[in-house]
PDB file of all heavy atoms in Angstrom:
ATOM      1  N   ALA A   1      -7.081  -1.658   1.699  1.00  0.00           N
ATOM      2  CA  ALA A   1      -5.786  -2.017   2.282  1.00  0.00           C
ATOM      3  C   ALA A   1      -4.657  -1.268   1.579  1.00  0.00           C
ATOM      4  O   ALA A   1      -4.703  -1.029   0.375  1.00  0.00           O
ATOM      5  CB  ALA A   1      -5.574  -3.524   2.157  1.00  0.00           C
ATOM      6  N   SER A   2      -3.626  -0.900   2.372  1.00  0.00           N
ATOM      7  CA  SER A   2      -2.520  -0.128   1.807  1.00  0.00           C
ATOM      8  C   SER A   2      -1.294  -0.240   2.708  1.00  0.00           C
ATOM      9  O   SER A   2      -1.366  -0.746   3.819  1.00  0.00           O
ATOM     10  CB  SER A   2      -2.915   1.340   1.668  1.00  0.00           C
ATOM     11  OG  SER A   2      -3.262   1.865   2.935  1.00  0.00           O
ATOM     12  N   ALA A   3      -0.179   0.254   2.181  1.00  0.00           N
ATOM     13  CA  ALA A   3       1.055   0.316   2.957  1.00  0.00           C
ATOM     14  C   ALA A   3       1.768   1.615   2.616  1.00  0.00           C
ATOM     15  O   ALA A   3       1.678   2.114   1.495  1.00  0.00           O
ATOM     16  CB  ALA A   3       1.948  -0.879   2.647  1.00  0.00           C
ATOM     17  N   SER A   4       2.472   2.150   3.609  1.00  0.00           N
ATOM     18  CA  SER A   4       3.227   3.393   3.435  1.00  0.00           C
ATOM     19  C   SER A   4       4.589   3.230   4.091  1.00  0.00           C
ATOM     20  O   SER A   4       4.740   2.502   5.065  1.00  0.00           O
ATOM     21  CB  SER A   4       2.515   4.569   4.093  1.00  0.00           C
ATOM     22  OG  SER A   4       1.219   4.727   3.590  1.00  0.00           O
ATOM     23  N   LEU A   5       5.555   3.958   3.559  1.00  0.00           N
ATOM     24  CA  LEU A   5       6.891   3.966   4.124  1.00  0.00           C
ATOM     25  C   LEU A   5       7.282   5.411   4.403  1.00  0.00           C
ATOM     26  O   LEU A   5       7.169   6.275   3.528  1.00  0.00           O
ATOM     27  CB  LEU A   5       7.895   3.314   3.162  1.00  0.00           C
ATOM     28  CG  LEU A   5       9.325   3.204   3.659  1.00  0.00           C
ATOM     29  CD1 LEU A   5       9.405   2.280   4.867  1.00  0.00           C
ATOM     30  CD2 LEU A   5      10.223   2.707   2.541  1.00  0.00           C
ATOM     31  N   PHE A   6       7.706   5.669   5.636  1.00  0.00           N
ATOM     32  CA  PHE A   6       8.136   6.999   6.057  1.00  0.00           C
ATOM     33  C   PHE A   6       9.600   6.929   6.466  1.00  0.00           C
ATOM     34  O   PHE A   6      10.039   5.940   7.034  1.00  0.00           O
ATOM     35  CB  PHE A   6       7.327   7.480   7.269  1.00  0.00           C
ATOM     36  CG  PHE A   6       5.865   7.651   7.006  1.00  0.00           C
ATOM     37  CD1 PHE A   6       5.000   6.569   7.037  1.00  0.00           C
ATOM     38  CD2 PHE A   6       5.351   8.908   6.749  1.00  0.00           C
ATOM     39  CE1 PHE A   6       3.656   6.736   6.803  1.00  0.00           C
ATOM     40  CE2 PHE A   6       4.001   9.083   6.516  1.00  0.00           C
ATOM     41  CZ  PHE A   6       3.149   7.997   6.541  1.00  0.00           C
ATOM     42  N   GLU A   7      10.323   8.003   6.191  1.00  0.00           N
ATOM     43  CA  GLU A   7      11.693   8.103   6.672  1.00  0.00           C
ATOM     44  C   GLU A   7      11.898   9.494   7.243  1.00  0.00           C
ATOM     45  O   GLU A   7      11.700  10.496   6.551  1.00  0.00           O
ATOM     46  CB  GLU A   7      12.698   7.835   5.562  1.00  0.00           C
ATOM     47  CG  GLU A   7      14.127   7.796   6.064  1.00  0.00           C
ATOM     48  CD  GLU A   7      15.120   7.332   5.011  1.00  0.00           C
ATOM     49  OE1 GLU A   7      14.745   7.198   3.835  1.00  0.00           O
ATOM     50  OE2 GLU A   7      16.273   7.114   5.387  1.00  0.00           O
ATOM     51  N   ASN A   8      12.252   9.537   8.515  1.00  0.00           N
ATOM     52  CA  ASN A   8      12.467  10.801   9.227  1.00  0.00           C
ATOM     53  C   ASN A   8      11.294  11.766   9.072  1.00  0.00           C
ATOM     54  O   ASN A   8      11.470  12.955   8.826  1.00  0.00           O
ATOM     55  CB  ASN A   8      13.771  11.454   8.767  1.00  0.00           C
ATOM     56  CG  ASN A   8      14.970  10.587   9.060  1.00  0.00           C
ATOM     57  OD1 ASN A   8      15.009   9.903  10.071  1.00  0.00           O
ATOM     58  ND2 ASN A   8      15.928  10.598   8.160  1.00  0.00           N
ATOM     59  N   GLY A   9      10.080  11.236   9.192  1.00  0.00           N
ATOM     60  CA  GLY A   9       8.881  12.060   9.151  1.00  0.00           C
ATOM     61  C   GLY A   9       8.374  12.421   7.772  1.00  0.00           C
ATOM     62  O   GLY A   9       7.359  13.095   7.649  1.00  0.00           O
ATOM     63  N   GLN A  10       9.055  11.981   6.734  1.00  0.00           N
ATOM     64  CA  GLN A  10       8.641  12.285   5.360  1.00  0.00           C
ATOM     65  C   GLN A  10       8.074  11.027   4.697  1.00  0.00           C
ATOM     66  O   GLN A  10       8.621   9.935   4.864  1.00  0.00           O
ATOM     67  CB  GLN A  10       9.826  12.782   4.530  1.00  0.00           C
ATOM     68  CG  GLN A  10      10.470  14.044   5.060  1.00  0.00           C
ATOM     69  CD  GLN A  10       9.536  15.233   4.979  1.00  0.00           C
ATOM     70  OE1 GLN A  10       8.862  15.454   3.982  1.00  0.00           O
ATOM     71  NE2 GLN A  10       9.490  16.014   6.054  1.00  0.00           N
ATOM     72  N   ILE A  11       6.999  11.194   3.932  1.00  0.00           N
ATOM     73  CA  ILE A  11       6.439  10.070   3.200  1.00  0.00           C
ATOM     74  C   ILE A  11       7.371   9.740   2.041  1.00  0.00           C
ATOM     75  O   ILE A  11       7.656  10.586   1.194  1.00  0.00           O
ATOM     76  CB  ILE A  11       5.033  10.386   2.656  1.00  0.00           C
ATOM     77  CG1 ILE A  11       4.072  10.645   3.815  1.00  0.00           C
ATOM     78  CG2 ILE A  11       4.528   9.233   1.793  1.00  0.00           C
ATOM     79  CD1 ILE A  11       2.696  11.101   3.379  1.00  0.00           C
ATOM     80  N   ILE A  12       7.850   8.518   2.017  1.00  0.00           N
ATOM     81  CA  ILE A  12       8.736   8.060   0.951  1.00  0.00           C
ATOM     82  C   ILE A  12       7.930   7.364  -0.144  1.00  0.00           C
ATOM     83  O   ILE A  12       8.158   7.562  -1.327  1.00  0.00           O
ATOM     84  CB  ILE A  12       9.802   7.081   1.507  1.00  0.00           C
ATOM     85  CG1 ILE A  12      10.598   7.734   2.619  1.00  0.00           C
ATOM     86  CG2 ILE A  12      10.709   6.568   0.414  1.00  0.00           C
ATOM     87  CD1 ILE A  12      11.367   8.950   2.192  1.00  0.00           C
ATOM     88  N   SER A  13       6.993   6.516   0.289  1.00  0.00           N
ATOM     89  CA  SER A  13       6.201   5.747  -0.664  1.00  0.00           C
ATOM     90  C   SER A  13       4.894   5.341  -0.007  1.00  0.00           C
ATOM     91  O   SER A  13       4.846   5.068   1.188  1.00  0.00           O
ATOM     92  CB  SER A  13       6.983   4.502  -1.092  1.00  0.00           C
ATOM     93  OG  SER A  13       6.289   3.788  -2.078  1.00  0.00           O
ATOM     94  N   CYS A  14       3.845   5.301  -0.810  1.00  0.00           N
ATOM     95  CA  CYS A  14       2.533   4.908  -0.320  1.00  0.00           C
ATOM     96  C   CYS A  14       1.738   4.343  -1.492  1.00  0.00           C
ATOM     97  O   CYS A  14       1.740   4.925  -2.574  1.00  0.00           O
ATOM     98  CB  CYS A  14       1.819   6.122   0.275  1.00  0.00           C
ATOM     99  SG  CYS A  14       0.216   5.732   0.975  1.00  0.00           S
ATOM    100  N   VAL A  15       1.097   3.209  -1.283  1.00  0.00           N
ATOM    101  CA  VAL A  15       0.302   2.629  -2.369  1.00  0.00           C
ATOM    102  C   VAL A  15      -0.851   1.822  -1.776  1.00  0.00           C
ATOM    103  O   VAL A  15      -0.723   1.193  -0.734  1.00  0.00           O
ATOM    104  CB  VAL A  15       1.176   1.743  -3.307  1.00  0.00           C
ATOM    105  CG1 VAL A  15       1.697   0.523  -2.592  1.00  0.00           C
ATOM    106  CG2 VAL A  15       0.422   1.365  -4.564  1.00  0.00           C
ATOM    107  N   SER A  16      -1.971   1.891  -2.464  1.00  0.00           N
ATOM    108  CA  SER A  16      -3.138   1.108  -2.096  1.00  0.00           C
ATOM    109  C   SER A  16      -3.056  -0.242  -2.803  1.00  0.00           C
ATOM    110  O   SER A  16      -2.662  -0.327  -3.962  1.00  0.00           O
ATOM    111  CB  SER A  16      -4.409   1.846  -2.518  1.00  0.00           C
ATOM    112  OG  SER A  16      -5.544   1.106  -2.156  1.00  0.00           O
ATOM    113  N   GLU A  17      -3.424  -1.289  -2.108  1.00  0.00           N
ATOM    114  CA  GLU A  17      -3.329  -2.648  -2.653  1.00  0.00           C
ATOM    115  C   GLU A  17      -4.141  -2.804  -3.938  1.00  0.00           C
ATOM    116  O   GLU A  17      -3.738  -3.518  -4.854  1.00  0.00           O
ATOM    117  CB  GLU A  17      -3.805  -3.657  -1.603  1.00  0.00           C
ATOM    118  CG  GLU A  17      -3.591  -5.086  -1.965  1.00  0.00           C
ATOM    119  CD  GLU A  17      -2.156  -5.558  -1.850  1.00  0.00           C
ATOM    120  OE1 GLU A  17      -1.287  -4.795  -1.404  1.00  0.00           O
ATOM    121  OE2 GLU A  17      -1.904  -6.717  -2.201  1.00  0.00           O
ATOM    122  N   GLU A  18      -5.250  -2.099  -4.039  1.00  0.00           N
ATOM    123  CA  GLU A  18      -6.087  -2.223  -5.241  1.00  0.00           C
ATOM    124  C   GLU A  18      -5.382  -1.749  -6.506  1.00  0.00           C
ATOM    125  O   GLU A  18      -5.722  -2.172  -7.604  1.00  0.00           O
ATOM    126  CB  GLU A  18      -7.404  -1.482  -5.062  1.00  0.00           C
ATOM    127  CG  GLU A  18      -7.287   0.021  -5.087  1.00  0.00           C
ATOM    128  CD  GLU A  18      -8.624   0.724  -4.976  1.00  0.00           C
ATOM    129  OE1 GLU A  18      -9.594   0.166  -4.437  1.00  0.00           O
ATOM    130  OE2 GLU A  18      -8.690   1.861  -5.454  1.00  0.00           O
ATOM    131  N   ARG A  19      -4.406  -0.867  -6.365  1.00  0.00           N
ATOM    132  CA  ARG A  19      -3.654  -0.378  -7.531  1.00  0.00           C
ATOM    133  C   ARG A  19      -2.725  -1.434  -8.093  1.00  0.00           C
ATOM    134  O   ARG A  19      -2.349  -1.373  -9.259  1.00  0.00           O
ATOM    135  CB  ARG A  19      -2.838   0.864  -7.173  1.00  0.00           C
ATOM    136  CG  ARG A  19      -3.679   2.027  -6.751  1.00  0.00           C
ATOM    137  CD  ARG A  19      -4.541   2.462  -7.892  1.00  0.00           C
ATOM    138  NE  ARG A  19      -5.413   3.547  -7.482  1.00  0.00           N
ATOM    139  CZ  ARG A  19      -6.442   3.943  -8.184  1.00  0.00           C
ATOM    140  NH1 ARG A  19      -6.739   3.358  -9.310  1.00  0.00           N
ATOM    141  NH2 ARG A  19      -7.190   4.927  -7.749  1.00  0.00           N
ATOM    142  N   ILE A  20      -2.357  -2.401  -7.270  1.00  0.00           N
ATOM    143  CA  ILE A  20      -1.433  -3.441  -7.714  1.00  0.00           C
ATOM    144  C   ILE A  20      -2.174  -4.721  -8.095  1.00  0.00           C
ATOM    145  O   ILE A  20      -1.917  -5.294  -9.146  1.00  0.00           O
ATOM    146  CB  ILE A  20      -0.391  -3.735  -6.617  1.00  0.00           C
ATOM    147  CG1 ILE A  20       0.377  -2.455  -6.275  1.00  0.00           C
ATOM    148  CG2 ILE A  20       0.577  -4.830  -7.057  1.00  0.00           C
ATOM    149  CD1 ILE A  20       1.270  -2.569  -5.073  1.00  0.00           C
ATOM    150  N   ASN A  21      -3.127  -5.142  -7.251  1.00  0.00           N
ATOM    151  CA  ASN A  21      -3.819  -6.399  -7.550  1.00  0.00           C
ATOM    152  C   ASN A  21      -5.067  -6.217  -8.411  1.00  0.00           C
ATOM    153  O   ASN A  21      -5.692  -7.187  -8.811  1.00  0.00           O
ATOM    154  CB  ASN A  21      -4.156  -7.166  -6.267  1.00  0.00           C
ATOM    155  CG  ASN A  21      -5.213  -6.502  -5.417  1.00  0.00           C
ATOM    156  OD1 ASN A  21      -5.891  -5.563  -5.824  1.00  0.00           O
ATOM    157  ND2 ASN A  21      -5.355  -6.983  -4.198  1.00  0.00           N
ATOM    158  N   ARG A  22      -5.428  -4.979  -8.678  1.00  0.00           N
ATOM    159  CA  ARG A  22      -6.545  -4.625  -9.577  1.00  0.00           C
ATOM    160  C   ARG A  22      -7.913  -5.093  -9.069  1.00  0.00           C
ATOM    161  O   ARG A  22      -8.819  -5.343  -9.846  1.00  0.00           O
ATOM    162  CB  ARG A  22      -6.308  -5.159 -10.993  1.00  0.00           C
ATOM    163  CG  ARG A  22      -4.930  -4.856 -11.575  1.00  0.00           C
ATOM    164  CD  ARG A  22      -4.539  -3.419 -11.542  1.00  0.00           C
ATOM    165  NE  ARG A  22      -5.297  -2.635 -12.499  1.00  0.00           N
ATOM    166  CZ  ARG A  22      -5.328  -1.311 -12.509  1.00  0.00           C
ATOM    167  NH1 ARG A  22      -4.654  -0.632 -11.628  1.00  0.00           N
ATOM    168  NH2 ARG A  22      -6.015  -0.665 -13.393  1.00  0.00           N
ATOM    169  N   ILE A  23      -8.060  -5.207  -7.741  1.00  0.00           N
ATOM    170  CA  ILE A  23      -9.348  -5.547  -7.137  1.00  0.00           C
ATOM    171  C   ILE A  23      -9.852  -4.306  -6.415  1.00  0.00           C
ATOM    172  O   ILE A  23      -9.306  -3.912  -5.389  1.00  0.00           O
ATOM    173  CB  ILE A  23      -9.212  -6.730  -6.147  1.00  0.00           C
ATOM    174  CG1 ILE A  23      -8.688  -7.963  -6.875  1.00  0.00           C
ATOM    175  CG2 ILE A  23     -10.553  -7.014  -5.479  1.00  0.00           C
ATOM    176  CD1 ILE A  23      -8.333  -9.110  -5.944  1.00  0.00           C
ATOM    177  N   LYS A  24     -10.886  -3.676  -6.963  1.00  0.00           N
ATOM    178  CA  LYS A  24     -11.407  -2.434  -6.416  1.00  0.00           C
ATOM    179  C   LYS A  24     -11.851  -2.617  -4.964  1.00  0.00           C
ATOM    180  O   LYS A  24     -12.501  -3.597  -4.621  1.00  0.00           O
ATOM    181  CB  LYS A  24     -12.585  -1.965  -7.271  1.00  0.00           C
ATOM    182  CG  LYS A  24     -13.026  -0.568  -7.009  1.00  0.00           C
ATOM    183  CD  LYS A  24     -12.044   0.411  -7.557  1.00  0.00           C
ATOM    184  CE  LYS A  24     -12.596   1.812  -7.425  1.00  0.00           C
ATOM    185  NZ  LYS A  24     -11.567   2.786  -7.500  1.00  0.00           N
ATOM    186  N   PHE A  25     -11.490  -1.661  -4.104  1.00  0.00           N
ATOM    187  CA  PHE A  25     -11.825  -1.659  -2.677  1.00  0.00           C
ATOM    188  C   PHE A  25     -11.325  -2.925  -1.966  1.00  0.00           C
ATOM    189  O   PHE A  25     -11.990  -3.452  -1.084  1.00  0.00           O
ATOM    190  CB  PHE A  25     -13.329  -1.496  -2.447  1.00  0.00           C
ATOM    191  CG  PHE A  25     -13.905  -0.262  -3.062  1.00  0.00           C
ATOM    192  CD1 PHE A  25     -14.905  -0.349  -4.014  1.00  0.00           C
ATOM    193  CD2 PHE A  25     -13.439   0.992  -2.709  1.00  0.00           C
ATOM    194  CE1 PHE A  25     -15.431   0.788  -4.594  1.00  0.00           C
ATOM    195  CE2 PHE A  25     -13.963   2.133  -3.279  1.00  0.00           C
ATOM    196  CZ  PHE A  25     -14.958   2.027  -4.227  1.00  0.00           C
ATOM    197  N   TYR A  26     -10.142  -3.395  -2.336  1.00  0.00           N
ATOM    198  CA  TYR A  26      -9.589  -4.621  -1.757  1.00  0.00           C
ATOM    199  C   TYR A  26      -9.521  -4.506  -0.239  1.00  0.00           C
ATOM    200  O   TYR A  26      -9.090  -3.500   0.313  1.00  0.00           O
ATOM    201  CB  TYR A  26      -8.194  -4.902  -2.312  1.00  0.00           C
ATOM    202  CG  TYR A  26      -7.545  -6.106  -1.700  1.00  0.00           C
ATOM    203  CD1 TYR A  26      -7.911  -7.383  -2.106  1.00  0.00           C
ATOM    204  CD2 TYR A  26      -6.608  -5.974  -0.683  1.00  0.00           C
ATOM    205  CE1 TYR A  26      -7.337  -8.496  -1.525  1.00  0.00           C
ATOM    206  CE2 TYR A  26      -6.028  -7.084  -0.101  1.00  0.00           C
ATOM    207  CZ  TYR A  26      -6.403  -8.347  -0.525  1.00  0.00           C
ATOM    208  OH  TYR A  26      -5.833  -9.445   0.058  1.00  0.00           O
ATOM    209  N   SER A  27      -9.932  -5.558   0.441  1.00  0.00           N
ATOM    210  CA  SER A  27      -9.882  -5.626   1.893  1.00  0.00           C
ATOM    211  C   SER A  27      -9.095  -6.862   2.291  1.00  0.00           C
ATOM    212  O   SER A  27      -9.389  -7.960   1.836  1.00  0.00           O
ATOM    213  CB  SER A  27     -11.297  -5.715   2.461  1.00  0.00           C
ATOM    214  OG  SER A  27     -11.258  -5.804   3.859  1.00  0.00           O
ATOM    215  N   GLY A  28      -8.067  -6.672   3.114  1.00  0.00           N
ATOM    216  CA  GLY A  28      -7.267  -7.807   3.552  1.00  0.00           C
ATOM    217  C   GLY A  28      -5.812  -7.415   3.712  1.00  0.00           C
ATOM    218  O   GLY A  28      -5.470  -6.236   3.793  1.00  0.00           O
ATOM    219  N   TRP A  29      -4.961  -8.400   3.770  1.00  0.00           N
ATOM    220  CA  TRP A  29      -3.538  -8.174   3.990  1.00  0.00           C
ATOM    221  C   TRP A  29      -2.900  -7.565   2.745  1.00  0.00           C
ATOM    222  O   TRP A  29      -2.969  -8.150   1.663  1.00  0.00           O
ATOM    223  CB  TRP A  29      -2.864  -9.488   4.349  1.00  0.00           C
ATOM    224  CG  TRP A  29      -1.422  -9.342   4.665  1.00  0.00           C
ATOM    225  CD1 TRP A  29      -0.383  -9.782   3.907  1.00  0.00           C
ATOM    226  CD2 TRP A  29      -0.845  -8.710   5.804  1.00  0.00           C
ATOM    227  NE1 TRP A  29       0.804  -9.467   4.519  1.00  0.00           N
ATOM    228  CE2 TRP A  29       0.554  -8.807   5.683  1.00  0.00           C
ATOM    229  CE3 TRP A  29      -1.368  -8.058   6.917  1.00  0.00           C
ATOM    230  CZ2 TRP A  29       1.431  -8.293   6.636  1.00  0.00           C
ATOM    231  CZ3 TRP A  29      -0.502  -7.550   7.857  1.00  0.00           C
ATOM    232  CH2 TRP A  29       0.871  -7.668   7.720  1.00  0.00           C
ATOM    233  N   PRO A  30      -2.240  -6.397   2.855  1.00  0.00           N
ATOM    234  CA  PRO A  30      -1.666  -5.715   1.685  1.00  0.00           C
ATOM    235  C   PRO A  30      -0.255  -6.213   1.336  1.00  0.00           C
ATOM    236  O   PRO A  30       0.712  -5.465   1.324  1.00  0.00           O
ATOM    237  CB  PRO A  30      -1.646  -4.252   2.121  1.00  0.00           C
ATOM    238  CG  PRO A  30      -1.421  -4.332   3.589  1.00  0.00           C
ATOM    239  CD  PRO A  30      -2.162  -5.560   4.047  1.00  0.00           C
ATOM    240  N   GLU A  31      -0.137  -7.483   1.030  1.00  0.00           N
ATOM    241  CA  GLU A  31       1.167  -8.097   0.779  1.00  0.00           C
ATOM    242  C   GLU A  31       1.916  -7.430  -0.375  1.00  0.00           C
ATOM    243  O   GLU A  31       3.105  -7.134  -0.270  1.00  0.00           O
ATOM    244  CB  GLU A  31       0.983  -9.587   0.485  1.00  0.00           C
ATOM    245  CG  GLU A  31       2.284 -10.320   0.306  1.00  0.00           C
ATOM    246  CD  GLU A  31       2.079 -11.811   0.198  1.00  0.00           C
ATOM    247  OE1 GLU A  31       0.972 -12.296   0.466  1.00  0.00           O
ATOM    248  OE2 GLU A  31       3.044 -12.495  -0.143  1.00  0.00           O
ATOM    249  N   LEU A  32       1.215  -7.182  -1.472  1.00  0.00           N
ATOM    250  CA  LEU A  32       1.870  -6.566  -2.631  1.00  0.00           C
ATOM    251  C   LEU A  32       2.266  -5.120  -2.353  1.00  0.00           C
ATOM    252  O   LEU A  32       3.304  -4.654  -2.826  1.00  0.00           O
ATOM    253  CB  LEU A  32       0.956  -6.647  -3.850  1.00  0.00           C
ATOM    254  CG  LEU A  32       0.585  -8.063  -4.313  1.00  0.00           C
ATOM    255  CD1 LEU A  32      -0.454  -8.009  -5.420  1.00  0.00           C
ATOM    256  CD2 LEU A  32       1.817  -8.825  -4.742  1.00  0.00           C
ATOM    257  N   SER A  33       1.457  -4.407  -1.591  1.00  0.00           N
ATOM    258  CA  SER A  33       1.774  -3.016  -1.244  1.00  0.00           C
ATOM    259  C   SER A  33       3.011  -2.935  -0.362  1.00  0.00           C
ATOM    260  O   SER A  33       3.875  -2.074  -0.561  1.00  0.00           O
ATOM    261  CB  SER A  33       0.593  -2.353  -0.526  1.00  0.00           C
ATOM    262  OG  SER A  33      -0.518  -2.268  -1.365  1.00  0.00           O
ATOM    263  N   ILE A  34       3.093  -3.824   0.618  1.00  0.00           N
ATOM    264  CA  ILE A  34       4.269  -3.850   1.494  1.00  0.00           C
ATOM    265  C   ILE A  34       5.518  -4.127   0.674  1.00  0.00           C
ATOM    266  O   ILE A  34       6.532  -3.440   0.796  1.00  0.00           O
ATOM    267  CB  ILE A  34       4.084  -4.891   2.613  1.00  0.00           C
ATOM    268  CG1 ILE A  34       2.942  -4.483   3.538  1.00  0.00           C
ATOM    269  CG2 ILE A  34       5.379  -5.085   3.393  1.00  0.00           C
ATOM    270  CD1 ILE A  34       2.512  -5.561   4.497  1.00  0.00           C
ATOM    271  N   LYS A  35       5.415  -5.117  -0.190  1.00  0.00           N
ATOM    272  CA  LYS A  35       6.552  -5.474  -1.042  1.00  0.00           C
ATOM    273  C   LYS A  35       6.956  -4.298  -1.933  1.00  0.00           C
ATOM    274  O   LYS A  35       8.136  -3.979  -2.072  1.00  0.00           O
ATOM    275  CB  LYS A  35       6.187  -6.685  -1.898  1.00  0.00           C
ATOM    276  CG  LYS A  35       7.294  -7.208  -2.747  1.00  0.00           C
ATOM    277  CD  LYS A  35       6.840  -8.437  -3.525  1.00  0.00           C
ATOM    278  CE  LYS A  35       7.952  -8.919  -4.435  1.00  0.00           C
ATOM    279  NZ  LYS A  35       7.529 -10.077  -5.226  1.00  0.00           N
TER     280      LYS A  35
END
């Protein structure tokens, strides 16, 4: 699971949920990534 933010076609930010919650191969709603 992951979330990305684009502005005018450019990637501004992108992160995988596992990098924040420390659960390898996390599957589910990426609440922390969106935040």
